[in-house]
């Protein structure tokens, strides 16, 4: 009977010990492991503006459509720029004719007897030819500008990406420099994981990461690209006289600050629809014992 009681005690103690150990390991993982559910998908949003102003006559793309770099996004009425190009060509032809005439006059003056044409007159003729040359160069530049303006009347995609929130319609006016369309750069998706500061001590640039989008079960592989070096300090405002405005109230319960960690996505599966602004869970797998070689050695400053 005593042997059975001892056996039950040993078995119970073993089960309790295993439970305590597993609970402790789970607690350590929860407190110290670098993972967060506070992740956001980010991407470069390219604002498309018109380099020349005018009425929009064509918008051949649709909302959420994928476009390649160089595809036409919209067209500004080219009529005035075509007329400007024709005028620049005519002006160039006129200045070319004037230049040829001034050159011929200069050659004839040089060939004449010095007793007939003075040196001052020859200098004036040479100066007139040089002025005609300058006017010709200016006309060439104006022609190049007219060609460029006509070319810029057709607005093309600067990157591969997705047209988003398309509101532009034919008949709208496109002002110079005013955004008329936005494209999500398809090659620029990354993730910001906002990690509690207590979970960052083992995170290094280059560590593998797993990103799981909300509503998906398959993780996307990535790597730690960088770790932020600063966040806003709400308890350190500046008074109007530029002195420190110290908050007299101190919170006894200190919550860990969240530090942005940028995750570079290595390959996005073709069947995964990813969009900037999505939420996700980020898990980092630290490379234990592998110190970052390129990270600067940041030391805490001490009072002198």
C-alpha atoms as a PDB file:
ATOM      1  CA  UNK A   1       0.000   0.000   0.000  1.00  0.00           C
ATOM      2  CA  UNK A   2       2.838   2.388   0.874  1.00  0.00           C
ATOM      3  CA  UNK A   3       4.544   1.590  -2.438  1.00  0.00           C
ATOM      4  CA  UNK A   4       1.388   2.486  -4.346  1.00  0.00           C
ATOM      5  CA  UNK A   5       1.046   5.737  -2.396  1.00  0.00           C
ATOM      6  CA  UNK A   6       4.661   6.620  -3.136  1.00  0.00           C
ATOM      7  CA  UNK A   7       4.100   5.849  -6.807  1.00  0.00           C
ATOM      8  CA  UNK A   8       1.053   8.101  -6.933  1.00  0.00           C
ATOM      9  CA  UNK A   9       2.984  10.854  -5.181  1.00  0.00           C
ATOM     10  CA  UNK A  10       5.907  10.561  -7.605  1.00  0.00           C
ATOM     11  CA  UNK A  11       3.578  10.537 -10.616  1.00  0.00           C
ATOM     12  CA  UNK A  12       1.636  13.526  -9.313  1.00  0.00           C
ATOM     13  CA  UNK A  13       4.850  15.402  -8.567  1.00  0.00           C
ATOM     14  CA  UNK A  14       6.161  14.609 -12.053  1.00  0.00           C
ATOM     15  CA  UNK A  15       2.990  15.867 -13.719  1.00  0.00           C
ATOM     16  CA  UNK A  16       2.993  19.027 -11.602  1.00  0.00           C
ATOM     17  CA  UNK A  17       6.688  19.576 -12.355  1.00  0.00           C
ATOM     18  CA  UNK A  18       6.156  19.182 -16.087  1.00  0.00           C
ATOM     19  CA  UNK A  19       3.186  21.554 -15.964  1.00  0.00           C
ATOM     20  CA  UNK A  20       5.197  24.137 -14.025  1.00  0.00           C
ATOM     21  CA  UNK A  21       8.118  23.832 -16.464  1.00  0.00           C
ATOM     22  CA  UNK A  22       5.888  24.175 -19.512  1.00  0.00           C
ATOM     23  CA  UNK A  23       4.096  27.109 -17.927  1.00  0.00           C
ATOM     24  CA  UNK A  24       7.424  28.769 -17.163  1.00  0.00           C
ATOM     25  CA  UNK A  25       8.633  28.275 -20.726  1.00  0.00           C
ATOM     26  CA  UNK A  26       5.395  29.700 -22.086  1.00  0.00           C
ATOM     27  CA  UNK A  27       5.737  32.667 -19.753  1.00  0.00           C
ATOM     28  CA  UNK A  28       9.308  33.288 -20.912  1.00  0.00           C
ATOM     29  CA  UNK A  29       8.250  33.058 -24.518  1.00  0.00           C
ATOM     30  CA  UNK A  30       5.373  35.460 -23.965  1.00  0.00           C
ATOM     31  CA  UNK A  31       7.508  37.960 -22.079  1.00  0.00           C
ATOM     32  CA  UNK A  32      10.765  37.807 -24.027  1.00  0.00           C
ATOM     33  CA  UNK A  33      10.245  36.294 -27.474  1.00  0.00           C
ATOM     34  CA  UNK A  34      10.214  38.836 -30.320  1.00  0.00           C
ATOM     35  CA  UNK A  35       6.710  38.588 -31.733  1.00  0.00           C
ATOM     36  CA  UNK A  36       3.834  40.991 -32.065  1.00  0.00           C
ATOM     37  CA  UNK A  37       0.311  41.116 -33.383  1.00  0.00           C
ATOM     38  CA  UNK A  38       0.704  44.839 -33.999  1.00  0.00           C
ATOM     39  CA  UNK A  39       2.034  44.708 -37.548  1.00  0.00           C
ATOM     40  CA  UNK A  40       1.098  46.840 -40.542  1.00  0.00           C
ATOM     41  CA  UNK A  41       1.714  46.357 -44.233  1.00  0.00           C
ATOM     42  CA  UNK A  42       3.261  49.396 -45.890  1.00  0.00           C
ATOM     43  CA  UNK A  43       4.069  50.355 -49.482  1.00  0.00           C
ATOM     44  CA  UNK A  44       5.309  53.350 -51.423  1.00  0.00           C
ATOM     45  CA  UNK A  45       2.383  55.383 -52.754  1.00  0.00           C
ATOM     46  CA  UNK A  46       3.438  57.335 -55.843  1.00  0.00           C
ATOM     47  CA  UNK A  47       1.413  60.482 -56.460  1.00  0.00           C
ATOM     48  CA  UNK A  48       0.941  61.106 -60.168  1.00  0.00           C
ATOM     49  CA  UNK A  49       0.957  64.753 -61.206  1.00  0.00           C
ATOM     50  CA  UNK A  50       0.806  66.531 -64.534  1.00  0.00           C
ATOM     51  CA  UNK A  51       3.980  68.293 -65.644  1.00  0.00           C
ATOM     52  CA  UNK A  52       1.909  70.479 -68.000  1.00  0.00           C
ATOM     53  CA  UNK A  53      -1.534  71.898 -67.314  1.00  0.00           C
ATOM     54  CA  UNK A  54      -4.689  71.388 -69.311  1.00  0.00           C
ATOM     55  CA  UNK A  55      -7.989  69.595 -69.642  1.00  0.00           C
ATOM     56  CA  UNK A  56      -7.866  65.818 -69.314  1.00  0.00           C
ATOM     57  CA  UNK A  57      -9.073  64.200 -72.542  1.00  0.00           C
ATOM     58  CA  UNK A  58      -8.436  60.495 -71.841  1.00  0.00           C
ATOM     59  CA  UNK A  59      -8.058  58.176 -68.841  1.00  0.00           C
ATOM     60  CA  UNK A  60      -7.372  54.691 -70.253  1.00  0.00           C
ATOM     61  CA  UNK A  61      -6.839  52.977 -66.869  1.00  0.00           C
ATOM     62  CA  UNK A  62      -9.330  51.700 -64.308  1.00  0.00           C
ATOM     63  CA  UNK A  63      -9.431  51.632 -60.524  1.00  0.00           C
ATOM     64  CA  UNK A  64      -7.271  48.876 -58.953  1.00  0.00           C
ATOM     65  CA  UNK A  65      -5.778  48.021 -62.351  1.00  0.00           C
ATOM     66  CA  UNK A  66      -2.178  46.841 -62.542  1.00  0.00           C
ATOM     67  CA  UNK A  67      -0.018  49.022 -64.764  1.00  0.00           C
ATOM     68  CA  UNK A  68       3.525  48.587 -65.981  1.00  0.00           C
ATOM     69  CA  UNK A  69       6.121  51.294 -65.957  1.00  0.00           C
ATOM     70  CA  UNK A  70       5.610  53.434 -69.062  1.00  0.00           C
ATOM     71  CA  UNK A  71       1.895  52.675 -69.504  1.00  0.00           C
ATOM     72  CA  UNK A  72      -0.319  55.671 -70.295  1.00  0.00           C
ATOM     73  CA  UNK A  73      -2.304  56.836 -67.257  1.00  0.00           C
ATOM     74  CA  UNK A  74      -4.055  59.909 -68.649  1.00  0.00           C
ATOM     75  CA  UNK A  75      -3.667  62.491 -71.390  1.00  0.00           C
ATOM     76  CA  UNK A  76      -3.863  66.269 -71.226  1.00  0.00           C
ATOM     77  CA  UNK A  77      -5.350  68.104 -74.227  1.00  0.00           C
ATOM     78  CA  UNK A  78      -2.313  68.401 -76.556  1.00  0.00           C
ATOM     79  CA  UNK A  79      -3.754  71.067 -78.918  1.00  0.00           C
ATOM     80  CA  UNK A  80      -1.980  74.091 -77.436  1.00  0.00           C
ATOM     81  CA  UNK A  81       1.278  72.174 -77.100  1.00  0.00           C
ATOM     82  CA  UNK A  82       1.079  71.057 -80.724  1.00  0.00           C
ATOM     83  CA  UNK A  83       0.606  74.695 -81.738  1.00  0.00           C
ATOM     84  CA  UNK A  84       3.511  75.723 -79.521  1.00  0.00           C
ATOM     85  CA  UNK A  85       5.667  73.089 -81.213  1.00  0.00           C
ATOM     86  CA  UNK A  86       4.716  74.342 -84.679  1.00  0.00           C
ATOM     87  CA  UNK A  87       5.484  77.915 -83.614  1.00  0.00           C
ATOM     88  CA  UNK A  88       8.863  76.850 -82.219  1.00  0.00           C
ATOM     89  CA  UNK A  89       9.731  75.091 -85.477  1.00  0.00           C
ATOM     90  CA  UNK A  90       8.825  78.199 -87.490  1.00  0.00           C
ATOM     91  CA  UNK A  91      10.845  80.409 -85.152  1.00  0.00           C
ATOM     92  CA  UNK A  92      13.827  78.095 -85.483  1.00  0.00           C
ATOM     93  CA  UNK A  93      13.608  78.243 -89.281  1.00  0.00           C
ATOM     94  CA  UNK A  94      13.471  82.050 -89.165  1.00  0.00           C
ATOM     95  CA  UNK A  95      16.480  82.321 -86.863  1.00  0.00           C
ATOM     96  CA  UNK A  96      18.385  79.844 -89.036  1.00  0.00           C
ATOM     97  CA  UNK A  97      17.746  82.019 -92.092  1.00  0.00           C
ATOM     98  CA  UNK A  98      18.806  85.139 -90.195  1.00  0.00           C
ATOM     99  CA  UNK A  99      21.961  83.386 -89.027  1.00  0.00           C
ATOM    100  CA  UNK A 100      22.898  82.386 -92.573  1.00  0.00           C
ATOM    101  CA  UNK A 101      22.301  85.941 -93.790  1.00  0.00           C
ATOM    102  CA  UNK A 102      24.463  87.452 -91.031  1.00  0.00           C
ATOM    103  CA  UNK A 103      27.244  84.973 -91.731  1.00  0.00           C
ATOM    104  CA  UNK A 104      27.208  85.782 -95.442  1.00  0.00           C
ATOM    105  CA  UNK A 105      27.318  89.501 -94.676  1.00  0.00           C
ATOM    106  CA  UNK A 106      30.277  88.981 -92.372  1.00  0.00           C
ATOM    107  CA  UNK A 107      32.153  87.014 -95.034  1.00  0.00           C
ATOM    108  CA  UNK A 108      31.518  89.691 -97.662  1.00  0.00           C
ATOM    109  CA  UNK A 109      32.666  92.485 -95.351  1.00  0.00           C
ATOM    110  CA  UNK A 110      35.887  90.662 -94.543  1.00  0.00           C
ATOM    111  CA  UNK A 111      36.625  90.175 -98.247  1.00  0.00           C
ATOM    112  CA  UNK A 112      36.186  93.883 -99.063  1.00  0.00           C
ATOM    113  CA  UNK A 113      39.035  96.367 -99.257  1.00  0.00           C
ATOM    114  CA  UNK A 114      39.862  97.850 -95.816  1.00  0.00           C
ATOM    115  CA  UNK A 115      39.682 101.289 -97.380  1.00  0.00           C
ATOM    116  CA  UNK A 116      36.046 100.636 -98.276  1.00  0.00           C
ATOM    117  CA  UNK A 117      34.938  98.978 -95.009  1.00  0.00           C
ATOM    118  CA  UNK A 118      36.337 100.108 -91.693  1.00  0.00           C
ATOM    119  CA  UNK A 119      37.435  97.761 -88.917  1.00  0.00           C
ATOM    120  CA  UNK A 120      34.594  98.992 -86.763  1.00  0.00           C
ATOM    121  CA  UNK A 121      32.059  98.006 -89.401  1.00  0.00           C
ATOM    122  CA  UNK A 122      33.654  94.559 -89.640  1.00  0.00           C
ATOM    123  CA  UNK A 123      33.413  94.177 -85.871  1.00  0.00           C
ATOM    124  CA  UNK A 124      29.770  95.195 -85.937  1.00  0.00           C
ATOM    125  CA  UNK A 125      29.080  92.622 -88.644  1.00  0.00           C
ATOM    126  CA  UNK A 126      30.834  89.877 -86.656  1.00  0.00           C
ATOM    127  CA  UNK A 127      28.880  90.824 -83.538  1.00  0.00           C
ATOM    128  CA  UNK A 128      25.628  90.684 -85.497  1.00  0.00           C
ATOM    129  CA  UNK A 129      26.523  87.174 -86.679  1.00  0.00           C
ATOM    130  CA  UNK A 130      27.240  86.103 -83.100  1.00  0.00           C
ATOM    131  CA  UNK A 131      23.934  87.553 -81.920  1.00  0.00           C
ATOM    132  CA  UNK A 132      22.166  85.649 -84.693  1.00  0.00           C
ATOM    133  CA  UNK A 133      23.921  82.468 -83.525  1.00  0.00           C
ATOM    134  CA  UNK A 134      22.755  83.059 -79.955  1.00  0.00           C
ATOM    135  CA  UNK A 135      19.198  83.640 -81.170  1.00  0.00           C
ATOM    136  CA  UNK A 136      19.401  80.389 -83.143  1.00  0.00           C
ATOM    137  CA  UNK A 137      20.581  78.451 -80.071  1.00  0.00           C
ATOM    138  CA  UNK A 138      17.737  79.958 -78.055  1.00  0.00           C
ATOM    139  CA  UNK A 139      15.241  78.938 -80.733  1.00  0.00           C
ATOM    140  CA  UNK A 140      16.617  75.378 -80.624  1.00  0.00           C
ATOM    141  CA  UNK A 141      16.132  75.297 -76.848  1.00  0.00           C
ATOM    142  CA  UNK A 142      12.576  76.599 -77.245  1.00  0.00           C
ATOM    143  CA  UNK A 143      11.902  73.856 -79.793  1.00  0.00           C
ATOM    144  CA  UNK A 144      13.234  71.201 -77.409  1.00  0.00           C
ATOM    145  CA  UNK A 145      11.024  72.627 -74.646  1.00  0.00           C
ATOM    146  CA  UNK A 146       7.974  72.562 -76.922  1.00  0.00           C
ATOM    147  CA  UNK A 147       8.693  68.919 -77.792  1.00  0.00           C
ATOM    148  CA  UNK A 148       9.081  68.085 -74.102  1.00  0.00           C
ATOM    149  CA  UNK A 149       5.813  69.808 -73.165  1.00  0.00           C
ATOM    150  CA  UNK A 150       3.968  67.920 -75.892  1.00  0.00           C
ATOM    151  CA  UNK A 151       5.537  64.672 -74.710  1.00  0.00           C
ATOM    152  CA  UNK A 152       4.603  65.417 -71.087  1.00  0.00           C
ATOM    153  CA  UNK A 153       0.971  65.955 -72.100  1.00  0.00           C
ATOM    154  CA  UNK A 154       0.805  62.154 -72.025  1.00  0.00           C
ATOM    155  CA  UNK A 155       1.301  61.066 -68.404  1.00  0.00           C
ATOM    156  CA  UNK A 156       2.848  57.619 -67.978  1.00  0.00           C
ATOM    157  CA  UNK A 157       3.333  55.306 -65.008  1.00  0.00           C
ATOM    158  CA  UNK A 158       6.747  55.780 -63.353  1.00  0.00           C
ATOM    159  CA  UNK A 159       6.637  52.373 -61.604  1.00  0.00           C
ATOM    160  CA  UNK A 160       4.973  48.985 -61.784  1.00  0.00           C
ATOM    161  CA  UNK A 161       1.977  49.077 -59.509  1.00  0.00           C
ATOM    162  CA  UNK A 162      -1.731  49.314 -58.877  1.00  0.00           C
ATOM    163  CA  UNK A 163      -3.933  52.324 -59.583  1.00  0.00           C
ATOM    164  CA  UNK A 164      -5.820  53.049 -56.382  1.00  0.00           C
ATOM    165  CA  UNK A 165      -8.823  55.215 -55.510  1.00  0.00           C
ATOM    166  CA  UNK A 166      -9.116  56.507 -59.073  1.00  0.00           C
ATOM    167  CA  UNK A 167     -11.291  59.628 -59.173  1.00  0.00           C
ATOM    168  CA  UNK A 168      -9.908  61.301 -62.308  1.00  0.00           C
ATOM    169  CA  UNK A 169     -12.304  61.579 -65.230  1.00  0.00           C
ATOM    170  CA  UNK A 170     -12.060  63.022 -68.753  1.00  0.00           C
ATOM    171  CA  UNK A 171     -12.976  66.690 -68.623  1.00  0.00           C
ATOM    172  CA  UNK A 172     -11.239  67.339 -65.301  1.00  0.00           C
ATOM    173  CA  UNK A 173      -8.552  70.000 -65.283  1.00  0.00           C
ATOM    174  CA  UNK A 174      -5.023  68.903 -64.439  1.00  0.00           C
ATOM    175  CA  UNK A 175      -2.999  71.681 -62.848  1.00  0.00           C
ATOM    176  CA  UNK A 176       0.784  71.538 -62.916  1.00  0.00           C
ATOM    177  CA  UNK A 177       2.088  69.726 -59.835  1.00  0.00           C
ATOM    178  CA  UNK A 178      -1.352  68.840 -58.451  1.00  0.00           C
ATOM    179  CA  UNK A 179      -1.760  65.095 -57.673  1.00  0.00           C
ATOM    180  CA  UNK A 180      -4.442  63.540 -59.867  1.00  0.00           C
ATOM    181  CA  UNK A 181      -3.834  59.822 -59.338  1.00  0.00           C
ATOM    182  CA  UNK A 182      -2.057  57.430 -56.968  1.00  0.00           C
ATOM    183  CA  UNK A 183      -0.192  54.209 -57.712  1.00  0.00           C
ATOM    184  CA  UNK A 184       0.829  51.600 -55.141  1.00  0.00           C
ATOM    185  CA  UNK A 185       4.354  50.520 -56.055  1.00  0.00           C
ATOM    186  CA  UNK A 186       4.056  46.752 -56.463  1.00  0.00           C
ATOM    187  CA  UNK A 187       7.755  46.225 -55.738  1.00  0.00           C
ATOM    188  CA  UNK A 188       7.850  48.173 -52.475  1.00  0.00           C
ATOM    189  CA  UNK A 189       5.706  46.240 -49.980  1.00  0.00           C
ATOM    190  CA  UNK A 190       7.186  45.911 -46.518  1.00  0.00           C
ATOM    191  CA  UNK A 191       5.907  45.404 -42.968  1.00  0.00           C
ATOM    192  CA  UNK A 192       6.299  47.511 -39.861  1.00  0.00           C
ATOM    193  CA  UNK A 193       6.129  45.397 -36.725  1.00  0.00           C
ATOM    194  CA  UNK A 194       5.637  47.462 -33.567  1.00  0.00           C
ATOM    195  CA  UNK A 195       7.496  45.475 -30.895  1.00  0.00           C
ATOM    196  CA  UNK A 196       7.514  46.155 -27.183  1.00  0.00           C
ATOM    197  CA  UNK A 197      10.938  47.349 -26.113  1.00  0.00           C
ATOM    198  CA  UNK A 198      11.289  44.369 -23.766  1.00  0.00           C
ATOM    199  CA  UNK A 199      11.223  42.015 -26.767  1.00  0.00           C
ATOM    200  CA  UNK A 200      13.967  43.671 -28.807  1.00  0.00           C
ATOM    201  CA  UNK A 201      17.110  42.606 -26.978  1.00  0.00           C
ATOM    202  CA  UNK A 202      17.633  39.560 -29.193  1.00  0.00           C
ATOM    203  CA  UNK A 203      16.499  41.154 -32.481  1.00  0.00           C
ATOM    204  CA  UNK A 204      19.190  41.989 -35.028  1.00  0.00           C
ATOM    205  CA  UNK A 205      19.186  43.225 -38.593  1.00  0.00           C
ATOM    206  CA  UNK A 206      19.077  40.213 -40.898  1.00  0.00           C
ATOM    207  CA  UNK A 207      17.108  37.932 -38.570  1.00  0.00           C
ATOM    208  CA  UNK A 208      14.500  35.776 -40.360  1.00  0.00           C
ATOM    209  CA  UNK A 209      10.892  36.773 -39.810  1.00  0.00           C
ATOM    210  CA  UNK A 210       7.485  35.262 -40.451  1.00  0.00           C
ATOM    211  CA  UNK A 211       4.579  37.540 -41.336  1.00  0.00           C
ATOM    212  CA  UNK A 212       1.015  36.230 -41.137  1.00  0.00           C
ATOM    213  CA  UNK A 213      -1.689  38.480 -42.518  1.00  0.00           C
ATOM    214  CA  UNK A 214      -4.956  38.730 -40.635  1.00  0.00           C
ATOM    215  CA  UNK A 215      -7.322  36.181 -42.167  1.00  0.00           C
ATOM    216  CA  UNK A 216      -4.507  34.072 -43.640  1.00  0.00           C
ATOM    217  CA  UNK A 217      -2.864  30.957 -42.250  1.00  0.00           C
ATOM    218  CA  UNK A 218       0.243  30.725 -44.420  1.00  0.00           C
ATOM    219  CA  UNK A 219       3.121  32.931 -43.325  1.00  0.00           C
ATOM    220  CA  UNK A 220       5.181  35.120 -45.650  1.00  0.00           C
ATOM    221  CA  UNK A 221       8.937  34.945 -45.188  1.00  0.00           C
ATOM    222  CA  UNK A 222      10.952  38.067 -44.579  1.00  0.00           C
ATOM    223  CA  UNK A 223      13.970  39.508 -42.812  1.00  0.00           C
ATOM    224  CA  UNK A 224      14.604  42.332 -40.392  1.00  0.00           C
ATOM    225  CA  UNK A 225      15.704  45.283 -42.523  1.00  0.00           C
ATOM    226  CA  UNK A 226      16.132  47.897 -39.799  1.00  0.00           C
ATOM    227  CA  UNK A 227      15.121  48.912 -36.288  1.00  0.00           C
ATOM    228  CA  UNK A 228      13.965  52.429 -35.498  1.00  0.00           C
ATOM    229  CA  UNK A 229      16.213  54.635 -33.389  1.00  0.00           C
ATOM    230  CA  UNK A 230      13.584  57.082 -32.149  1.00  0.00           C
ATOM    231  CA  UNK A 231       9.890  57.404 -31.355  1.00  0.00           C
ATOM    232  CA  UNK A 232       7.866  60.351 -30.089  1.00  0.00           C
ATOM    233  CA  UNK A 233       8.028  61.061 -26.360  1.00  0.00           C
ATOM    234  CA  UNK A 234       4.655  62.345 -25.204  1.00  0.00           C
ATOM    235  CA  UNK A 235       6.007  63.127 -21.735  1.00  0.00           C
ATOM    236  CA  UNK A 236       8.711  65.438 -23.024  1.00  0.00           C
ATOM    237  CA  UNK A 237       6.966  68.495 -24.479  1.00  0.00           C
ATOM    238  CA  UNK A 238       8.598  71.898 -24.792  1.00  0.00           C
ATOM    239  CA  UNK A 239       7.189  74.935 -23.009  1.00  0.00           C
ATOM    240  CA  UNK A 240       6.625  78.232 -24.884  1.00  0.00           C
ATOM    241  CA  UNK A 241       9.882  79.580 -23.416  1.00  0.00           C
ATOM    242  CA  UNK A 242      11.744  76.489 -24.736  1.00  0.00           C
ATOM    243  CA  UNK A 243      12.193  74.976 -21.270  1.00  0.00           C
ATOM    244  CA  UNK A 244      11.246  71.386 -20.469  1.00  0.00           C
ATOM    245  CA  UNK A 245       7.575  71.010 -19.581  1.00  0.00           C
ATOM    246  CA  UNK A 246       7.833  68.180 -17.037  1.00  0.00           C
ATOM    247  CA  UNK A 247       4.657  66.257 -16.270  1.00  0.00           C
ATOM    248  CA  UNK A 248       4.201  66.240 -12.453  1.00  0.00           C
ATOM    249  CA  UNK A 249       2.139  63.044 -12.628  1.00  0.00           C
ATOM    250  CA  UNK A 250       4.086  59.781 -12.854  1.00  0.00           C
ATOM    251  CA  UNK A 251       2.392  56.542 -13.851  1.00  0.00           C
ATOM    252  CA  UNK A 252       3.356  53.739 -11.495  1.00  0.00           C
ATOM    253  CA  UNK A 253       2.277  51.162 -14.051  1.00  0.00           C
ATOM    254  CA  UNK A 254       4.868  51.537 -16.784  1.00  0.00           C
ATOM    255  CA  UNK A 255       3.865  50.188 -20.168  1.00  0.00           C
ATOM    256  CA  UNK A 256       6.594  49.134 -22.557  1.00  0.00           C
ATOM    257  CA  UNK A 257       7.004  51.445 -25.525  1.00  0.00           C
ATOM    258  CA  UNK A 258       6.569  49.987 -28.983  1.00  0.00           C
ATOM    259  CA  UNK A 259       9.481  50.327 -31.385  1.00  0.00           C
ATOM    260  CA  UNK A 260       8.980  50.022 -35.170  1.00  0.00           C
ATOM    261  CA  UNK A 261      10.918  47.186 -36.789  1.00  0.00           C
ATOM    262  CA  UNK A 262      10.979  47.175 -40.578  1.00  0.00           C
ATOM    263  CA  UNK A 263      10.557  43.764 -42.190  1.00  0.00           C
ATOM    264  CA  UNK A 264      11.560  43.218 -45.804  1.00  0.00           C
ATOM    265  CA  UNK A 265       9.290  40.676 -47.475  1.00  0.00           C
ATOM    266  CA  UNK A 266      11.313  38.173 -49.473  1.00  0.00           C
ATOM    267  CA  UNK A 267       8.604  36.706 -51.696  1.00  0.00           C
ATOM    268  CA  UNK A 268       4.869  37.303 -51.725  1.00  0.00           C
ATOM    269  CA  UNK A 269       2.887  34.260 -52.932  1.00  0.00           C
ATOM    270  CA  UNK A 270       0.900  34.874 -56.092  1.00  0.00           C
ATOM    271  CA  UNK A 271      -2.354  33.766 -54.456  1.00  0.00           C
ATOM    272  CA  UNK A 272      -2.030  36.239 -51.553  1.00  0.00           C
ATOM    273  CA  UNK A 273      -3.768  39.592 -51.960  1.00  0.00           C
ATOM    274  CA  UNK A 274      -1.652  42.073 -50.043  1.00  0.00           C
ATOM    275  CA  UNK A 275      -2.613  45.697 -49.545  1.00  0.00           C
ATOM    276  CA  UNK A 276      -0.991  48.590 -47.740  1.00  0.00           C
ATOM    277  CA  UNK A 277      -2.712  49.095 -44.387  1.00  0.00           C
ATOM    278  CA  UNK A 278      -3.386  45.414 -43.682  1.00  0.00           C
ATOM    279  CA  UNK A 279      -2.738  44.158 -40.154  1.00  0.00           C
ATOM    280  CA  UNK A 280      -0.544  41.165 -39.481  1.00  0.00           C
ATOM    281  CA  UNK A 281       1.335  39.149 -36.888  1.00  0.00           C
ATOM    282  CA  UNK A 282       5.127  39.242 -37.005  1.00  0.00           C
ATOM    283  CA  UNK A 283       7.355  36.564 -35.473  1.00  0.00           C
ATOM    284  CA  UNK A 284      11.133  36.987 -35.548  1.00  0.00           C
ATOM    285  CA  UNK A 285      13.459  34.010 -35.249  1.00  0.00           C
ATOM    286  CA  UNK A 286      16.641  35.395 -33.659  1.00  0.00           C
ATOM    287  CA  UNK A 287      19.992  34.034 -34.793  1.00  0.00           C
ATOM    288  CA  UNK A 288      21.419  33.305 -31.359  1.00  0.00           C
ATOM    289  CA  UNK A 289      25.086  34.139 -31.004  1.00  0.00           C
ATOM    290  CA  UNK A 290      25.220  35.978 -34.318  1.00  0.00           C
ATOM    291  CA  UNK A 291      25.977  39.619 -33.567  1.00  0.00           C
ATOM    292  CA  UNK A 292      25.187  42.290 -36.130  1.00  0.00           C
ATOM    293  CA  UNK A 293      28.460  43.387 -37.735  1.00  0.00           C
ATOM    294  CA  UNK A 294      27.239  46.535 -39.445  1.00  0.00           C
ATOM    295  CA  UNK A 295      25.244  47.997 -36.559  1.00  0.00           C
ATOM    296  CA  UNK A 296      26.778  51.095 -34.996  1.00  0.00           C
ATOM    297  CA  UNK A 297      28.000  50.821 -31.420  1.00  0.00           C
ATOM    298  CA  UNK A 298      25.594  53.120 -29.592  1.00  0.00           C
ATOM    299  CA  UNK A 299      26.673  53.921 -26.044  1.00  0.00           C
ATOM    300  CA  UNK A 300      24.655  55.636 -23.381  1.00  0.00           C
ATOM    301  CA  UNK A 301      25.944  59.090 -22.582  1.00  0.00           C
ATOM    302  CA  UNK A 302      27.128  59.744 -19.048  1.00  0.00           C
ATOM    303  CA  UNK A 303      27.353  63.092 -17.321  1.00  0.00           C
ATOM    304  CA  UNK A 304      30.836  64.594 -17.401  1.00  0.00           C
END
